[in-house]
Protein backbone atom coordinates (compact mmCIF):
# COMPACT_ATOMS: atom_id res chain seq x y z
CA LEU A 1 9.83 -5.69 0.51
CA HIS A 2 8.38 -8.45 2.67
CA LEU A 3 8.93 -9.46 6.28
CA GLY A 4 8.12 -13.14 6.56
CA ASP A 5 4.68 -13.47 4.93
CA SER A 6 3.74 -9.77 5.17
CA MET A 7 4.35 -7.11 2.54
CA LEU A 8 5.90 -4.03 4.16
CA CYS A 9 6.32 -1.58 1.28
CA ARG A 10 7.19 -1.06 -2.37
CA VAL A 11 10.79 0.01 -2.68
CA LYS A 12 11.76 2.68 -5.21
CA ASN A 13 15.03 4.38 -6.05
CA LYS A 14 16.15 6.81 -3.31
CA SER A 15 13.35 5.72 -0.98
CA THR A 16 13.63 5.35 2.79
CA PHE A 17 11.36 3.56 5.20
CA GLU A 18 11.41 3.23 8.94
CA ILE A 19 9.78 0.02 10.13
CA LYS A 20 9.24 -0.70 13.80
CA ILE A 21 8.99 -4.32 14.89
CA ASN A 22 7.49 -4.82 18.33
CA GLU A 23 8.68 -8.33 19.07
CA GLU A 24 11.95 -10.22 19.06
CA MET A 25 12.04 -12.84 16.35
CA ARG A 26 14.04 -14.66 13.74
CA THR A 27 12.59 -13.84 10.35
CA THR A 28 13.48 -13.13 6.75
CA LEU A 29 13.32 -9.91 4.76
CA TRP A 30 12.84 -10.60 1.07
CA ALA A 31 12.00 -9.05 -2.28
CA ARG A 32 11.14 -10.61 -5.61
CA THR A 33 10.85 -9.72 -9.27
CA GLU A 34 11.87 -12.51 -11.66
CA ALA A 35 14.28 -13.66 -8.93
CA ARG A 36 14.13 -13.55 -5.15
CA SER A 37 16.65 -12.04 -2.75
CA GLU A 38 16.41 -12.60 0.98
CA VAL A 39 18.24 -11.69 4.15
CA PRO A 40 17.81 -13.52 7.45
CA LEU A 41 17.20 -11.17 10.37
CA ASP A 42 17.42 -11.88 14.10
CA VAL A 43 15.39 -8.98 15.54
CA ARG A 44 16.36 -7.93 19.09
CA PHE A 45 14.89 -5.15 21.24
CA GLY A 46 16.92 -1.94 21.31
CA HIS A 47 18.75 -2.65 18.05
CA THR A 48 18.58 -0.70 14.80
CA TYR A 49 19.06 -2.48 11.49
CA TYR A 50 19.75 -0.96 8.09
CA LEU A 51 18.89 -2.78 4.88
CA ARG A 52 20.27 -1.67 1.52
CA CYS A 53 18.06 -2.56 -1.44
CA ALA A 54 19.47 -2.48 -4.96
CA VAL A 55 18.53 -3.76 -8.39
CA GLN A 56 20.86 -5.84 -10.54
CA MET A 57 20.49 -6.60 -14.22
CA GLY A 58 18.22 -9.53 -15.01
CA ALA A 59 17.16 -11.29 -18.18
CA PHE A 60 13.90 -9.32 -18.54
CA VAL A 61 13.55 -7.11 -15.45
CA GLY A 62 15.90 -6.03 -12.69
CA GLN A 63 16.60 -8.49 -9.91
CA PRO A 64 16.54 -7.34 -6.28
CA PHE A 65 19.67 -7.44 -4.16
CA LEU A 66 19.30 -7.03 -0.39
CA GLU A 67 22.03 -6.66 2.21
CA LEU A 68 22.19 -5.66 5.84
CA VAL A 69 24.77 -2.92 6.36
CA ASP A 70 26.51 -1.82 9.54
CA ARG A 71 24.89 0.88 11.64
CA SER A 72 27.28 3.74 10.78
CA THR A 73 27.10 3.11 7.03
CA GLY A 74 23.34 2.59 7.11
CA LYS A 75 22.68 5.75 9.13
CA PHE A 76 24.94 7.81 6.86
CA GLU A 77 23.20 6.59 3.69
CA TYR A 78 19.71 6.95 5.21
CA ASP A 79 20.41 10.51 6.41
CA ALA A 80 21.89 11.46 3.00
CA ILE A 81 18.74 10.34 1.18
CA VAL A 82 16.45 12.12 3.67
CA ALA A 83 18.53 15.32 3.39
CA GLY A 84 18.38 15.13 -0.43
CA LYS A 85 14.57 14.94 -0.32
CA LYS A 86 14.38 18.13 1.77
CA LYS A 87 16.19 20.23 -0.87
C-alpha cells in the first residue's frame, strides 16, 4: 500500500494497520500487482478514514481492489479483525 510516492506497508489477508498522517493534504492511496488500484484521499485533521483492501482474480496474479468505507462499517470490520487476532 502506497501513499503518494511512499510505501506504507505490505497488506496481507486479515491484516490491520493504523497510519497517522500529520498534515492535511490531497493525495492518493494505491496498490499494484499486475494492475493498479487507487483511491483519492482528501486528508483533514480530526478525521478517521477506513480503507478496505481486497484482491480480485487476475490473469496471472490477484489484482488489488481498494475502497474507502464509511466510519461505522470500517470501525466494525477493523475491530472484528483485531478481536480475532487476540483469540
